Protein backbone atom coordinates (compact mmCIF):
# COMPACT_ATOMS: atom_id res chain seq x y z
CA MET A 1 118.79 82.50 34.34
CA MET A 2 115.31 83.76 33.54
CA ILE A 3 116.17 85.24 30.13
CA ARG A 4 116.73 82.38 27.69
CA ASP A 5 117.14 84.14 24.30
CA ARG A 6 120.56 85.81 24.10
CA ARG A 7 119.70 88.41 21.46
CA LEU A 8 118.63 90.95 24.04
CA VAL A 9 121.32 90.22 26.61
CA ALA A 10 122.98 93.58 25.93
CA LEU A 11 119.64 95.32 26.39
CA LEU A 12 119.04 93.39 29.58
CA ILE A 13 122.39 94.28 31.11
CA SER A 14 121.74 97.95 30.41
CA SER A 15 118.14 98.07 31.51
CA LEU A 16 118.31 96.02 34.68
CA LEU A 17 120.43 98.86 36.00
CA VAL A 18 117.38 101.08 35.86
CA TYR A 19 114.65 100.61 38.42
CA ALA A 20 113.36 102.66 41.30
CA VAL A 21 116.13 104.94 42.45
CA MET A 22 115.61 108.29 44.16
CA GLN A 23 114.60 111.94 44.48
CA TYR A 24 116.01 115.14 45.84
CA VAL A 25 115.67 117.49 48.82
CA GLY A 26 115.34 121.28 49.10
CA ILE A 27 114.55 124.45 51.13
CA GLY A 28 112.63 123.71 54.29
CA VAL A 29 113.82 120.15 54.23
CA ILE A 30 113.55 117.78 57.08
CA PRO A 31 117.30 117.28 57.64
CA LEU A 32 118.66 114.16 56.04
CA ARG A 33 119.02 111.52 58.69
CA SER A 34 119.80 107.91 59.21
CA ILE A 35 116.56 106.03 59.77
CA ILE A 36 118.44 103.05 61.15
CA GLU A 37 120.83 103.79 63.98
CA GLY A 38 123.03 101.28 65.74
CA GLY A 39 122.63 97.52 65.76
CA GLY A 40 118.99 97.71 66.82
CA GLY A 41 117.90 98.66 63.31
CA GLY A 42 120.39 96.56 61.42
CA GLY A 43 122.63 99.44 60.38
CA GLY A 44 125.27 98.67 63.00
CA ASP A 45 125.82 94.99 62.13
CA LEU A 46 129.18 94.07 60.61
CA LEU A 47 128.75 92.09 57.39
CA VAL A 48 131.12 90.42 54.95
CA ASN A 49 131.21 92.44 51.75
CA ASP A 50 130.54 90.34 48.65
CA PRO A 51 128.69 90.88 45.34
CA MET A 52 125.58 89.14 46.67
CA LEU A 53 125.20 91.59 49.56
CA LYS A 54 122.46 94.01 48.54
CA ALA A 55 121.11 96.93 50.52
CA ASP A 56 117.72 97.30 48.87
CA VAL A 57 115.44 100.13 49.93
CA ALA A 58 111.87 100.91 48.84
CA MET A 59 109.52 103.73 49.79
CA ALA A 60 105.83 104.60 49.57
CA VAL A 61 103.98 107.80 50.51
CA GLU A 62 100.25 107.92 51.24
CA GLY A 63 98.87 111.19 52.57
CA SER A 64 100.99 112.12 55.59
CA SER A 65 102.34 108.57 55.93
CA VAL A 66 105.79 107.54 54.71
CA TYR A 67 106.85 103.89 54.59
CA ILE A 68 110.43 102.71 54.02
CA ALA A 69 111.30 99.00 53.71
CA TRP A 70 114.60 97.19 53.32
CA TYR A 71 116.14 93.73 53.64
CA ASP A 72 118.17 93.24 56.82
CA SER A 73 120.89 90.71 55.95
CA ALA A 74 122.00 90.28 59.56
CA ARG A 75 118.50 89.60 60.89
CA GLU A 76 117.39 87.66 57.81
CA ALA A 77 114.22 89.74 57.69
CA VAL A 78 112.37 92.33 55.64
CA MET A 79 112.10 95.40 57.87
CA LEU A 80 110.06 98.62 57.73
CA ARG A 81 109.87 102.02 59.39
CA ALA A 82 106.80 104.23 59.13
CA SER A 83 106.19 107.92 59.67
CA ASP A 84 102.75 109.35 60.43
CA ASP A 85 103.78 113.01 60.08
CA GLY A 86 105.24 113.24 56.58
CA GLY A 87 108.69 112.08 57.62
CA SER A 88 109.27 114.42 60.57
CA SER A 89 109.59 111.42 62.85
CA PHE A 90 109.56 107.64 62.41
CA ARG A 91 108.24 104.78 64.47
CA ASP A 92 110.65 102.08 65.62
CA PRO A 93 111.60 99.52 62.95
CA ILE A 94 109.26 96.54 62.73
CA LEU A 95 109.70 93.09 61.22
CA VAL A 96 107.66 92.75 58.03
CA SER A 97 108.61 89.14 57.42
CA SER A 98 111.25 86.68 58.50
CA THR A 99 113.29 85.37 55.56
CA GLU A 100 115.01 82.52 57.39
CA GLY A 101 115.60 79.77 54.86
CA VAL A 102 115.16 82.17 51.92
CA GLY A 103 118.22 83.18 49.89
CA ASP A 104 118.96 86.05 47.52
CA VAL A 105 116.19 88.19 49.04
CA ARG A 106 115.40 91.40 47.15
CA VAL A 107 112.87 94.03 48.21
CA ARG A 108 111.09 95.00 45.00
CA GLY A 109 108.66 97.75 46.03
CA ILE A 110 105.90 99.08 48.27
CA VAL A 111 102.41 100.35 47.51
CA ALA A 112 100.16 102.01 50.09
CA ARG A 113 96.52 103.02 49.74
CA GLY A 114 94.56 104.13 52.79
CA SER A 115 95.38 101.76 55.63
CA TYR A 116 96.69 99.06 53.28
CA VAL A 117 100.47 98.69 52.87
CA ASN A 118 102.02 96.00 50.65
CA VAL A 119 105.71 95.11 50.46
CA LEU A 120 106.77 93.06 47.44
CA TRP A 121 109.91 90.93 47.65
CA SER A 122 111.48 87.90 46.02
CA GLY A 123 113.80 85.13 47.10
CA GLU A 124 115.09 81.62 46.52
CA VAL A 125 113.74 78.68 48.50
CA ASP A 126 115.18 75.17 48.02
CA GLY A 127 116.67 76.10 44.66
CA GLN A 128 113.55 77.80 43.30
CA TYR A 129 112.81 81.52 43.02
CA ASP A 130 109.44 82.78 44.26
CA ILE A 131 107.50 86.04 44.66
CA PHE A 132 106.32 87.10 48.12
CA LEU A 133 103.94 89.78 49.28
CA SER A 134 103.71 91.08 52.85
CA ASN A 135 100.39 92.80 53.51
CA SER A 136 99.25 95.11 56.30
CA ASN A 137 95.69 96.36 56.70
CA ASP A 138 96.37 98.48 59.79
CA GLY A 139 98.77 101.13 58.52
CA ALA A 140 101.95 99.01 58.75
CA TYR A 141 101.69 98.01 62.41
CA THR A 142 101.36 94.29 61.61
CA PHE A 143 102.01 92.23 58.47
CA SER A 144 101.16 88.81 57.08
CA THR A 145 103.15 87.24 54.23
CA MET A 146 102.08 85.01 51.35
CA ASN A 147 103.96 83.27 48.54
CA LEU A 148 102.23 84.62 45.44
CA SER A 149 103.94 82.37 42.89
CA SER A 150 104.24 79.06 44.84
CA ASN A 151 104.45 76.89 41.72
CA ASP A 152 106.77 74.43 40.00
CA GLY A 153 108.89 76.93 38.07
CA ASP A 154 111.14 79.87 38.83
CA SER A 155 109.42 83.25 39.17
CA GLY A 156 111.21 86.59 38.92
CA TYR A 157 111.19 90.26 37.92
CA PRO A 158 108.00 91.15 39.86
CA VAL A 159 106.19 94.49 39.45
CA MET A 160 103.29 95.92 41.43
CA ASP A 161 100.84 98.81 41.32
CA ALA A 162 97.57 99.70 43.02
CA SER A 163 94.49 101.83 42.48
CA GLY A 164 92.18 102.18 45.47
CA PRO A 165 91.66 98.72 46.98
CA MET A 166 92.85 97.03 43.77
CA VAL A 167 96.40 95.64 43.96
CA TYR A 168 98.09 94.10 40.92
CA VAL A 169 101.26 91.97 40.96
CA ALA A 170 102.85 90.58 37.79
CA TRP A 171 106.04 88.62 37.22
CA VAL A 172 107.88 86.36 34.77
CA ASP A 173 107.12 82.68 35.41
CA LEU A 174 108.83 79.56 34.00
CA THR A 175 106.19 77.09 35.15
CA TYR A 176 104.73 76.86 31.65
CA GLY A 177 107.89 75.54 29.98
CA ASN A 178 108.66 78.92 28.48
CA SER A 179 108.74 82.29 30.23
CA GLU A 180 105.29 83.84 30.59
CA VAL A 181 103.99 87.04 32.20
CA VAL A 182 101.62 86.12 35.02
CA LEU A 183 99.23 88.43 36.90
CA ARG A 184 97.42 88.14 40.22
CA VAL A 185 94.79 90.64 41.38
CA SER A 186 93.57 91.63 44.83
CA THR A 187 90.27 93.45 45.36
CA ASP A 188 90.78 93.97 49.11
CA GLY A 189 94.03 95.90 49.37
CA GLY A 190 96.32 92.87 49.14
CA SER A 191 94.76 90.65 51.81
CA THR A 192 93.70 88.01 49.27
CA PHE A 193 94.48 87.43 45.58
CA SER A 194 92.84 85.83 42.58
CA ASP A 195 94.36 82.79 40.91
CA PRO A 196 97.31 83.51 38.57
CA VAL A 197 96.39 84.54 35.03
CA ASN A 198 98.79 83.95 32.12
CA VAL A 199 98.54 87.37 30.47
CA SER A 200 101.18 86.82 27.78
CA ASN A 201 100.14 83.24 26.89
CA SER A 202 102.42 82.93 23.87
CA PRO A 203 104.68 80.24 22.39
CA GLY A 204 107.73 82.49 22.75
CA GLU A 205 109.66 83.92 25.67
CA SER A 206 107.81 86.76 27.41
CA GLU A 207 109.96 88.94 29.65
CA ALA A 208 110.45 92.29 31.43
CA PRO A 209 106.83 93.15 32.35
CA VAL A 210 105.68 96.66 33.24
CA LEU A 211 102.34 97.40 34.87
CA VAL A 212 100.37 100.59 35.54
CA ALA A 213 97.05 100.83 37.40
CA GLU A 214 94.83 103.85 36.73
CA GLY A 215 91.26 103.94 38.04
CA SER A 216 89.52 100.74 36.98
CA SER A 217 92.09 100.19 34.22
CA VAL A 218 95.32 98.22 34.37
CA TYR A 219 97.86 98.40 31.54
CA MET A 220 100.55 95.79 30.93
CA ALA A 221 103.46 95.59 28.51
CA TRP A 222 106.42 93.24 28.03
CA HIS A 223 108.67 91.98 25.25
CA ASP A 224 108.15 88.65 23.49
CA ASN A 225 109.94 86.76 20.69
CA SER A 226 106.99 84.79 19.33
CA HIS A 227 107.39 86.60 16.00
CA GLY A 228 111.05 85.59 15.62
CA LYS A 229 112.37 88.89 16.96
CA PHE A 230 111.67 90.38 20.35
CA ALA A 231 108.76 92.84 20.13
CA VAL A 232 106.97 95.04 22.66
CA ILE A 233 103.48 93.69 23.44
CA PHE A 234 100.65 95.61 25.12
CA ARG A 235 97.35 94.60 26.73
CA ALA A 236 94.77 96.66 28.62
CA SER A 237 91.97 95.87 31.04
CA HIS A 238 89.18 98.31 31.88
CA ASP A 239 87.40 96.13 34.43
CA ASN A 240 90.03 95.86 37.18
CA GLY A 241 91.91 93.03 35.48
CA SER A 242 88.94 90.71 34.95
CA THR A 243 89.35 90.73 31.16
CA PHE A 244 92.06 92.04 28.83
CA SER A 245 92.19 93.32 25.28
CA SER A 246 93.91 91.17 22.65
CA PRO A 247 97.72 91.42 22.61
CA PHE A 248 98.88 94.37 20.50
CA VAL A 249 102.39 94.61 19.02
CA LEU A 250 103.68 98.15 19.58
CA SER A 251 107.14 97.80 18.02
CA SER A 252 108.32 96.69 14.61
CA VAL A 253 108.63 92.92 14.29
CA GLY A 254 111.61 93.35 11.94
CA ALA A 255 114.15 94.09 14.68
CA ASP A 256 114.61 93.25 18.35
CA ALA A 257 112.93 95.67 20.75
CA GLY A 258 112.15 95.58 24.44
CA PHE A 259 112.57 96.78 28.01
CA ALA A 260 109.61 99.12 27.89
CA SER A 261 108.68 101.81 30.40
CA MET A 262 105.07 102.92 30.71
CA ASP A 263 102.92 105.42 32.58
CA ALA A 264 99.31 106.54 32.44
CA ASP A 265 97.20 109.46 33.60
CA GLY A 266 93.46 109.32 33.06
CA SER A 267 92.88 107.87 29.60
CA SER A 268 96.37 108.83 28.37
CA VAL A 269 98.90 106.00 28.15
CA TYR A 270 102.59 106.55 27.29
CA ILE A 271 105.12 103.86 26.49
CA VAL A 272 108.80 104.00 25.48
CA TRP A 273 111.24 101.22 24.63
CA MET A 274 114.66 100.55 23.13
CA GLY A 275 115.29 98.77 19.85
CA ASN A 276 118.17 97.98 17.53
CA ASP A 277 116.51 98.96 14.24
CA SER A 278 119.38 101.06 12.85
CA SER A 279 117.48 101.65 9.61
CA SER A 280 115.05 104.08 11.24
CA SER A 281 115.34 107.67 10.06
CA ASP A 282 113.25 109.03 12.93
CA ALA A 283 115.80 108.60 15.69
CA ASP A 284 117.89 111.60 16.62
CA SER A 285 121.42 110.46 15.75
CA THR A 286 122.99 113.39 17.59
CA THR A 287 122.26 112.04 21.05
CA THR A 288 124.86 109.27 21.12
CA THR A 289 127.21 107.25 18.90
CA ASP A 290 125.90 105.19 15.99
CA ASP A 291 125.96 101.94 17.97
CA GLY A 292 123.38 103.21 20.46
CA TYR A 293 119.90 101.68 20.54
CA ASN A 294 117.04 103.69 19.14
CA ILE A 295 114.52 105.00 21.67
CA TYR A 296 110.92 104.82 20.51
CA MET A 297 107.65 106.15 21.87
CA ARG A 298 103.93 105.64 21.30
CA TYR A 299 101.00 107.12 23.20
CA SER A 300 97.25 106.65 23.43
CA ASN A 301 94.53 109.11 24.36
CA ASP A 302 91.76 106.51 24.65
CA GLY A 303 92.94 104.17 27.37
CA GLY A 304 95.17 102.06 25.14
CA ARG A 305 92.47 101.20 22.62
CA SER A 306 94.53 102.84 19.87
CA PHE A 307 98.05 104.28 19.67
CA THR A 308 99.95 106.78 17.57
CA ASP A 309 102.60 105.48 15.20
CA ALA A 310 105.99 104.72 16.73
CA MET A 311 108.27 107.77 16.92
CA GLY A 312 112.04 107.70 17.26
CA ILE A 313 112.94 110.22 19.95
CA GLY A 314 116.66 109.57 20.37
CA LYS A 315 119.47 107.06 20.75
CA GLY A 316 120.76 105.47 23.92
CA ARG A 317 119.50 102.94 26.43
CA ALA A 318 117.24 102.45 29.44
CA PRO A 319 114.38 104.87 28.61
CA ILE A 320 111.90 105.94 31.29
CA VAL A 321 108.58 107.77 30.93
CA LYS A 322 106.52 109.52 33.61
CA ALA A 323 103.31 111.51 33.22
CA ASP A 324 101.09 113.81 35.28
CA GLY A 325 98.07 115.51 33.74
CA PRO A 326 98.86 116.67 30.19
CA LEU A 327 102.64 116.52 30.75
CA ALA A 328 104.77 113.48 29.94
CA CYS A 329 108.54 113.37 30.13
CA MET A 330 111.00 110.79 28.79
CA VAL A 331 114.66 110.36 29.77
CA TRP A 332 117.33 107.95 28.56
CA ILE A 333 121.04 107.30 28.94
CA GLY A 334 123.29 108.33 26.06
CA ASP A 335 127.00 107.62 25.73
CA ASP A 336 128.06 111.07 26.89
CA ALA A 337 125.05 112.53 28.73
CA LEU A 338 121.54 112.02 29.98
CA TYR A 339 118.87 113.12 27.49
CA ALA A 340 115.27 114.17 27.96
CA SER A 341 112.25 114.95 25.85
CA SER A 342 108.81 116.05 26.95
CA MET A 343 105.35 116.46 25.52
CA HIS A 344 102.41 118.59 26.57
CA GLY A 345 99.25 117.45 24.88
CA GLU A 346 100.33 116.08 21.50
CA TYR A 347 103.43 118.24 20.94
CA ILE A 348 106.73 116.38 21.45
CA ARG A 349 109.79 118.54 22.06
CA ASP A 350 113.20 117.74 20.63
CA ALA A 351 115.61 115.85 22.85
CA MET A 352 118.06 117.86 24.94
CA ARG A 353 121.09 117.11 27.08
CA VAL A 354 120.19 117.52 30.73
CA ALA A 355 123.30 116.18 32.48
CA MET A 356 126.86 115.37 31.45
CA TYR A 357 128.73 112.41 32.93
CA GLU A 358 132.13 113.76 34.16
CA HIS A 359 134.30 110.61 34.12
CA THR A 360 131.69 108.44 35.79
CA SER A 361 129.59 105.48 34.74
CA VAL A 362 125.82 105.74 35.20
CA ARG A 363 124.38 102.93 37.26
CA SER A 364 120.75 104.00 37.36
CA VAL A 365 118.37 106.90 36.74
CA ILE A 366 114.97 107.78 38.14
CA LEU A 367 112.39 110.22 36.81
CA ASP A 368 109.27 111.75 38.31
CA VAL A 369 106.72 114.28 37.08
CA GLU A 370 104.43 116.25 39.39
CA GLY A 371 102.42 119.10 37.90
CA ASN A 372 104.90 121.20 35.88
CA ASP A 373 107.90 119.88 37.84
CA VAL A 374 110.23 117.31 36.31
CA SER A 375 112.77 115.67 38.61
CA ILE A 376 115.68 113.46 37.57
CA LEU A 377 118.21 111.70 39.77
CA ILE A 378 121.32 109.94 38.52
CA LEU A 379 123.27 107.37 40.50
CA SER A 380 126.79 107.09 39.08
CA ASP A 381 129.99 105.31 40.06
CA GLY A 382 133.47 106.82 40.14
CA ALA A 383 135.94 106.46 37.30
CA GLY A 384 137.68 103.10 37.06
CA GLY A 385 135.13 101.35 39.26
CA THR A 386 136.05 103.22 42.42
CA ARG A 387 133.93 102.59 45.49
CA GLY A 388 132.54 106.10 45.69
CA SER A 389 129.13 106.92 44.26
CA SER A 390 127.48 110.19 43.35
CA VAL A 391 123.79 110.98 43.35
CA VAL A 392 123.13 113.92 41.06
CA TYR A 393 119.87 115.85 40.84
CA VAL A 394 118.59 117.73 37.79
CA GLY A 395 115.21 119.49 37.83
CA SER A 396 112.86 121.46 35.64
CA ARG A 397 110.08 123.76 36.87
CA ASP A 398 108.70 124.62 33.42
CA SER A 399 107.46 121.25 32.13
CA GLY A 400 110.86 120.21 30.81
CA LEU A 401 111.53 123.30 28.68
CA THR A 402 114.70 124.04 30.66
CA PHE A 403 116.66 122.15 33.31
CA SER A 404 118.73 123.37 36.22
CA MET A 405 122.44 122.81 36.53
CA SER A 406 123.15 119.42 38.04
CA SER A 407 123.78 119.31 41.79
CA LYS A 408 125.33 116.53 43.84
CA VAL A 409 123.05 115.19 46.53
CA THR A 410 125.60 112.74 47.91
CA ASP A 411 129.24 112.24 46.97
CA GLY A 412 131.89 109.71 47.86
CA GLY A 413 129.78 107.20 49.78
CA ALA A 414 129.04 103.71 48.52
CA VAL A 415 125.37 104.23 47.70
CA ASP A 416 123.79 100.87 46.98
CA ASP A 417 120.12 101.58 46.24
CA VAL A 418 117.76 104.53 46.10
CA SER A 419 114.03 105.23 46.07
CA MET A 420 112.14 108.44 45.31
CA LEU A 421 108.58 109.73 45.26
CA SER A 422 107.09 113.15 44.54
CA LYS A 423 103.74 114.05 46.07
CA GLY A 424 102.26 117.53 45.83
CA ARG A 425 105.06 119.92 46.71
CA GLY A 426 106.82 117.27 48.74
CA VAL A 427 109.74 115.30 47.36
CA TYR A 428 110.85 112.22 49.30
CA ILE A 429 114.09 110.33 49.02
CA ALA A 430 115.48 107.23 50.70
CA TRP A 431 118.76 105.50 49.99
CA SER A 432 121.11 102.88 51.37
CA GLU A 433 124.88 102.93 51.75
CA LYS A 434 127.60 100.38 52.35
CA VAL A 435 130.18 101.79 54.74
CA CYS A 436 133.57 100.05 54.59
CA THR A 437 135.07 99.23 57.98
CA ASN A 438 138.65 98.67 56.78
CA PRO A 439 140.81 99.89 53.88
CA GLU A 440 140.31 96.67 51.94
CA CYS A 441 136.51 96.93 52.40
CA THR A 442 136.23 93.24 53.23
CA HIS A 443 133.53 94.10 55.80
CA VAL A 444 130.82 96.74 55.68
CA ARG A 445 127.98 98.19 57.69
CA LEU A 446 124.73 99.03 55.96
CA SER A 447 122.96 102.32 56.66
CA TYR A 448 119.69 103.76 55.39
CA HIS A 449 118.79 107.43 55.01
CA PHE A 450 115.80 109.68 54.38
CA GLY A 451 115.19 113.26 53.35
CA LYS A 452 112.32 115.43 52.21
CA SER A 453 111.79 118.74 50.45
CA ASN A 454 108.59 120.68 51.01
CA ASP A 455 109.01 123.13 48.13
CA GLY A 456 109.69 121.00 45.08
CA GLY A 457 113.44 121.00 45.64
CA HIS A 458 114.41 124.53 44.63
CA GLN A 459 117.52 124.28 46.79
CA PHE A 460 119.46 121.56 48.55
CA ILE A 461 120.24 121.56 52.24
CA MET A 462 122.47 118.59 53.06
CA LYS A 463 123.65 117.32 56.40
CA GLY A 464 126.12 114.59 57.16
CA ILE A 465 124.71 111.34 58.49
């Protein structure tokens, strides 16, 4: 177990549910389709259904290229399909990396810049967890794989971002006796990496890193209990990760806080987190019951050199922030609904309900901001833990002032994982499903799907897979 201090276990359980999920489709869409058909792509293989069986999916978009990666349990391999025409057609699946001898494999993300494509994944080898990166420098025709952690301790919770040829990978590492946040940097698109750097370097437990690359700057945040309570820590580099500013405590040290989300655009940096400081008078107590965590926000207009005071923007869990230009939007999960707040410049709008939960439990949420468009997708499970899942889309076309009525993108299938990206007027979505082959659902087939909207998702056109 990577997390050693139990005081944030409740926060961890809530927030690990939230990581890259999905986006929506609209008028002029490329019809939703299975990108893996029959046994040749892995989708036709019969597999025993158990809690360890994961159908991870990750997606990257670079210009007219779309890359979708997943872990094929039957083949014991990380696989990928690529499109060179914006998703209209896809090449045949290719093997990114064999995972024979590696257990508990999870695909963690993809970044693509120019002809470089990097797939980040993790797994357990001989009882130890490591971080792997598969790199292509020819537009995802061929890949080579390296073990980025390859040390004496467990490594987990990896994150990755890129800016031009610079690729940054960070993770939590137990090699040092305590958990530390470690960073490696590539200057050549992921072909080679610098030695690991202990960015947190503290006597406490450092966990849940987030990382954003913007130009020559890279911003990192995590939570750390060196001060007795867990606090949100921030560091910035403005020379491509060569040097970093001194650690800066963003949250109050008087109460546990953590599981930050961060985004940046230009010199503007936005960060939100959840904390259990019930004495705060800033938090909007109308957004959930009194036992909800407070959601806080700080932002910087000078590349993280200074920040505004912490502001309570609501109550709930699992906050996310995304920014594009002068617009930043924050969403979080309340007890009865999903809530959102936005800011344009320095004006922060009051929180509003954007989606109600209709007898479902929310598994994960994803947010994206592109121009004045705000897109939110919710992955929820049926009442009473039923197998069916719903993916619900909610969008705003006026910078978060108003939101559309929620619309179901999928309904009834066992959606396992989702990924979403918004580029220009295109919105891309990929997701995976477990399809039961008998009433008891002891065996399943895994399938993977893709869709795209070319108009920002004003309407949905759905087709069965």
